[in-house]
């Protein structure tokens, strides 16, 4: 996508071309416009921001067998965990 932004800034492609590429996200389509992927050299993860609620109330599909309900304080009262 960086190549698309650079190409648009250099007036090499138009907005309708970007719409077309986004509706057909096949890598071959990007090569048809001579859009080469930008190299990742020099890219660094500077900051990660998480919503604190995601740790307090995780999504159901992100739960793990080692997650217990709040009333399961000890292993003796909890159900057997199948790993």
N, C-alpha and C. Protein backbone atom coordinates (compact mmCIF):
# COMPACT_ATOMS: atom_id res chain seq x y z
N UNK A 1 0.82 -1.20 0.00
CA UNK A 1 0.00 0.00 0.00
C UNK A 1 0.86 1.26 0.00
N UNK A 2 2.06 1.18 0.53
CA UNK A 2 2.94 2.34 0.50
C UNK A 2 3.26 2.69 -0.94
N UNK A 3 3.46 1.68 -1.78
CA UNK A 3 3.74 1.92 -3.19
C UNK A 3 2.57 2.62 -3.86
N UNK A 4 1.35 2.29 -3.46
CA UNK A 4 0.17 2.95 -4.02
C UNK A 4 0.14 4.42 -3.60
N UNK A 5 0.45 4.70 -2.35
CA UNK A 5 0.45 6.08 -1.87
C UNK A 5 1.51 6.89 -2.60
N UNK A 6 2.69 6.31 -2.76
CA UNK A 6 3.77 7.02 -3.46
C UNK A 6 3.41 7.23 -4.92
N UNK A 7 2.83 6.23 -5.56
CA UNK A 7 2.44 6.36 -6.97
C UNK A 7 1.36 7.43 -7.13
N UNK A 8 0.43 7.50 -6.21
CA UNK A 8 -0.60 8.53 -6.28
C UNK A 8 0.00 9.92 -6.05
N UNK A 9 0.93 10.02 -5.12
CA UNK A 9 1.58 11.31 -4.85
C UNK A 9 2.40 11.78 -6.04
N UNK A 10 2.93 10.84 -6.82
CA UNK A 10 3.71 11.18 -8.01
C UNK A 10 2.85 11.27 -9.26
N UNK A 11 1.53 11.22 -9.11
CA UNK A 11 0.57 11.30 -10.21
C UNK A 11 0.76 10.16 -11.21
N UNK A 12 1.19 9.00 -10.73
CA UNK A 12 1.36 7.84 -11.60
C UNK A 12 0.07 7.03 -11.73
N UNK A 13 -0.78 7.08 -10.72
CA UNK A 13 -2.08 6.41 -10.77
C UNK A 13 -3.14 7.38 -10.27
N UNK A 14 -4.40 7.06 -10.60
CA UNK A 14 -5.52 7.91 -10.20
C UNK A 14 -6.33 7.22 -9.11
N UNK A 15 -7.25 7.97 -8.53
CA UNK A 15 -8.09 7.41 -7.46
C UNK A 15 -8.91 6.23 -7.94
N UNK A 16 -9.39 6.30 -9.17
CA UNK A 16 -10.20 5.18 -9.69
C UNK A 16 -9.35 3.91 -9.80
N UNK A 17 -8.05 4.07 -10.07
CA UNK A 17 -7.15 2.92 -10.10
C UNK A 17 -6.98 2.33 -8.70
N UNK A 18 -6.88 3.20 -7.71
CA UNK A 18 -6.76 2.73 -6.33
C UNK A 18 -8.02 1.99 -5.91
N UNK A 19 -9.18 2.54 -6.26
CA UNK A 19 -10.45 1.85 -5.96
C UNK A 19 -10.48 0.47 -6.61
N UNK A 20 -10.02 0.41 -7.86
CA UNK A 20 -10.01 -0.86 -8.58
C UNK A 20 -9.07 -1.85 -7.90
N UNK A 21 -7.89 -1.38 -7.50
CA UNK A 21 -6.93 -2.26 -6.83
C UNK A 21 -7.46 -2.76 -5.49
N UNK A 22 -8.11 -1.88 -4.73
CA UNK A 22 -8.64 -2.29 -3.43
C UNK A 22 -9.80 -3.26 -3.56
N UNK A 23 -10.56 -3.16 -4.64
CA UNK A 23 -11.67 -4.09 -4.83
C UNK A 23 -11.19 -5.43 -5.39
N UNK A 24 -9.97 -5.47 -5.93
CA UNK A 24 -9.36 -6.69 -6.45
C UNK A 24 -7.95 -6.83 -5.88
N UNK A 25 -7.81 -7.22 -4.63
CA UNK A 25 -6.50 -7.21 -3.96
C UNK A 25 -5.60 -8.40 -4.31
N UNK A 26 -5.45 -8.66 -5.58
CA UNK A 26 -4.55 -9.72 -6.03
C UNK A 26 -3.18 -9.11 -6.33
N UNK A 27 -2.08 -9.70 -5.85
CA UNK A 27 -0.76 -9.12 -6.11
C UNK A 27 -0.46 -8.92 -7.59
N UNK A 28 -1.02 -9.75 -8.45
CA UNK A 28 -0.78 -9.61 -9.90
C UNK A 28 -1.31 -8.26 -10.39
N UNK A 29 -2.42 -7.80 -9.83
CA UNK A 29 -2.97 -6.51 -10.24
C UNK A 29 -2.03 -5.36 -9.89
N UNK A 30 -1.35 -5.46 -8.76
CA UNK A 30 -0.41 -4.41 -8.37
C UNK A 30 0.80 -4.40 -9.29
N UNK A 31 1.24 -5.59 -9.72
CA UNK A 31 2.36 -5.65 -10.65
C UNK A 31 1.97 -5.11 -12.02
N UNK A 32 0.68 -5.21 -12.39
CA UNK A 32 0.22 -4.66 -13.66
C UNK A 32 0.38 -3.14 -13.70
N UNK A 33 0.33 -2.50 -12.55
CA UNK A 33 0.53 -1.05 -12.46
C UNK A 33 1.98 -0.70 -12.15
N UNK A 34 2.88 -1.68 -12.21
CA UNK A 34 4.30 -1.50 -11.88
C UNK A 34 4.50 -0.98 -10.46
N UNK A 35 3.66 -1.46 -9.54
CA UNK A 35 3.78 -1.08 -8.14
C UNK A 35 4.58 -2.16 -7.42
N UNK A 36 5.77 -1.83 -7.02
CA UNK A 36 6.63 -2.77 -6.33
C UNK A 36 6.50 -2.53 -4.83
N UNK A 37 6.48 -3.60 -4.08
CA UNK A 37 6.35 -3.47 -2.63
C UNK A 37 7.52 -2.68 -2.06
N UNK A 38 7.22 -1.79 -1.15
CA UNK A 38 8.26 -0.99 -0.51
C UNK A 38 9.09 -1.89 0.40
N UNK A 39 10.40 -1.73 0.41
CA UNK A 39 11.23 -2.56 1.29
C UNK A 39 11.00 -2.19 2.75
N UNK A 40 11.05 -3.18 3.64
CA UNK A 40 10.80 -2.91 5.05
C UNK A 40 12.01 -2.34 5.79
N UNK A 41 13.08 -2.05 5.10
CA UNK A 41 14.28 -1.53 5.76
C UNK A 41 13.97 -0.22 6.47
N UNK A 42 14.34 -0.12 7.70
CA UNK A 42 14.17 1.12 8.44
C UNK A 42 12.82 1.26 9.12
N UNK A 43 11.93 0.28 8.96
CA UNK A 43 10.64 0.35 9.63
C UNK A 43 10.77 -0.26 11.02
N UNK A 44 10.33 0.48 12.02
CA UNK A 44 10.42 0.02 13.40
C UNK A 44 9.09 0.21 14.09
N UNK A 45 8.72 -0.73 14.94
CA UNK A 45 7.52 -0.60 15.75
C UNK A 45 7.82 0.36 16.88
N UNK A 46 7.19 1.52 16.85
CA UNK A 46 7.51 2.57 17.82
C UNK A 46 6.61 2.52 19.04
N UNK A 47 5.33 2.19 18.86
CA UNK A 47 4.40 2.25 19.98
C UNK A 47 3.24 1.31 19.71
N UNK A 48 2.84 0.58 20.70
CA UNK A 48 1.69 -0.30 20.60
C UNK A 48 0.70 0.12 21.67
N UNK A 49 -0.54 0.36 21.27
CA UNK A 49 -1.57 0.79 22.21
C UNK A 49 -2.66 -0.28 22.23
N UNK A 50 -2.92 -0.81 23.40
CA UNK A 50 -3.97 -1.79 23.57
C UNK A 50 -5.10 -1.18 24.39
N UNK A 51 -6.31 -1.58 24.07
CA UNK A 51 -7.46 -1.18 24.86
C UNK A 51 -7.42 -1.98 26.17
N UNK A 52 -7.37 -1.32 27.33
CA UNK A 52 -7.31 -2.05 28.60
C UNK A 52 -8.49 -3.00 28.80
N UNK A 53 -9.63 -2.70 28.21
CA UNK A 53 -10.80 -3.57 28.35
C UNK A 53 -10.58 -4.93 27.69
N UNK A 54 -9.69 -4.99 26.71
CA UNK A 54 -9.46 -6.28 26.06
C UNK A 54 -8.78 -7.27 26.99
N UNK A 55 -8.11 -6.78 28.02
CA UNK A 55 -7.49 -7.67 29.00
C UNK A 55 -8.48 -8.05 30.10
N UNK A 56 -9.42 -7.17 30.39
CA UNK A 56 -10.40 -7.44 31.44
C UNK A 56 -11.55 -8.30 30.93
N UNK A 57 -11.91 -8.12 29.68
CA UNK A 57 -13.06 -8.80 29.11
C UNK A 57 -12.70 -9.27 27.71
N UNK A 58 -11.88 -10.33 27.58
CA UNK A 58 -11.41 -10.74 26.25
C UNK A 58 -12.54 -11.29 25.39
N UNK A 59 -12.31 -11.27 24.12
CA UNK A 59 -13.28 -11.82 23.17
C UNK A 59 -13.40 -13.32 23.39
N UNK A 60 -14.58 -13.88 23.18
CA UNK A 60 -14.76 -15.32 23.45
C UNK A 60 -13.84 -16.21 22.62
N UNK A 61 -13.56 -15.83 21.38
CA UNK A 61 -12.73 -16.68 20.55
C UNK A 61 -11.24 -16.52 20.86
N UNK A 62 -10.90 -15.61 21.77
CA UNK A 62 -9.51 -15.43 22.15
C UNK A 62 -9.21 -16.05 23.51
N UNK A 63 -10.14 -16.84 24.05
CA UNK A 63 -9.91 -17.43 25.36
C UNK A 63 -9.02 -18.67 25.22
N UNK A 64 -8.38 -19.02 26.30
CA UNK A 64 -7.47 -20.16 26.34
C UNK A 64 -7.90 -21.10 27.45
N UNK A 65 -7.47 -22.36 27.39
CA UNK A 65 -7.86 -23.30 28.44
C UNK A 65 -7.38 -22.88 29.83
N UNK A 66 -6.33 -22.09 29.92
CA UNK A 66 -5.83 -21.69 31.24
C UNK A 66 -6.58 -20.47 31.80
N UNK A 67 -7.53 -19.92 31.02
CA UNK A 67 -8.33 -18.80 31.53
C UNK A 67 -9.42 -19.35 32.45
N UNK A 68 -9.55 -18.74 33.61
CA UNK A 68 -10.56 -19.14 34.57
C UNK A 68 -11.53 -18.00 34.79
N UNK A 69 -12.72 -18.36 35.24
CA UNK A 69 -13.67 -17.34 35.66
C UNK A 69 -13.17 -16.73 36.96
N UNK A 70 -13.70 -15.57 37.32
CA UNK A 70 -13.25 -14.89 38.54
C UNK A 70 -13.55 -15.70 39.80
N UNK A 71 -14.62 -16.52 39.78
CA UNK A 71 -14.95 -17.29 40.96
C UNK A 71 -14.13 -18.58 41.07
N UNK A 72 -13.32 -18.89 40.08
CA UNK A 72 -12.44 -20.05 40.12
C UNK A 72 -11.07 -19.63 40.63
N UNK A 73 -10.97 -19.46 41.94
CA UNK A 73 -9.71 -18.97 42.51
C UNK A 73 -8.68 -20.07 42.70
N UNK A 74 -9.14 -21.29 42.90
CA UNK A 74 -8.17 -22.36 43.09
C UNK A 74 -8.49 -23.50 42.14
N UNK A 75 -7.52 -24.32 41.87
CA UNK A 75 -7.69 -25.40 40.91
C UNK A 75 -8.61 -26.50 41.42
N UNK A 76 -8.74 -26.65 42.72
CA UNK A 76 -9.57 -27.72 43.27
C UNK A 76 -11.04 -27.48 42.98
N UNK A 77 -11.47 -26.23 42.93
CA UNK A 77 -12.87 -25.93 42.68
C UNK A 77 -13.17 -25.78 41.19
N UNK A 78 -12.15 -25.72 40.37
CA UNK A 78 -12.39 -25.53 38.94
C UNK A 78 -12.57 -26.87 38.26
N UNK A 79 -13.14 -26.84 37.07
CA UNK A 79 -13.33 -28.05 36.28
C UNK A 79 -11.99 -28.49 35.72
N UNK A 80 -11.92 -29.76 35.35
CA UNK A 80 -10.69 -30.26 34.73
C UNK A 80 -10.46 -29.55 33.41
N UNK A 81 -9.22 -29.24 33.16
CA UNK A 81 -8.86 -28.55 31.93
C UNK A 81 -8.27 -29.58 30.97
N UNK A 82 -8.81 -29.60 29.77
CA UNK A 82 -8.31 -30.51 28.75
C UNK A 82 -7.39 -29.71 27.85
N UNK A 83 -6.16 -30.12 27.74
CA UNK A 83 -5.19 -29.42 26.89
C UNK A 83 -4.90 -30.23 25.67
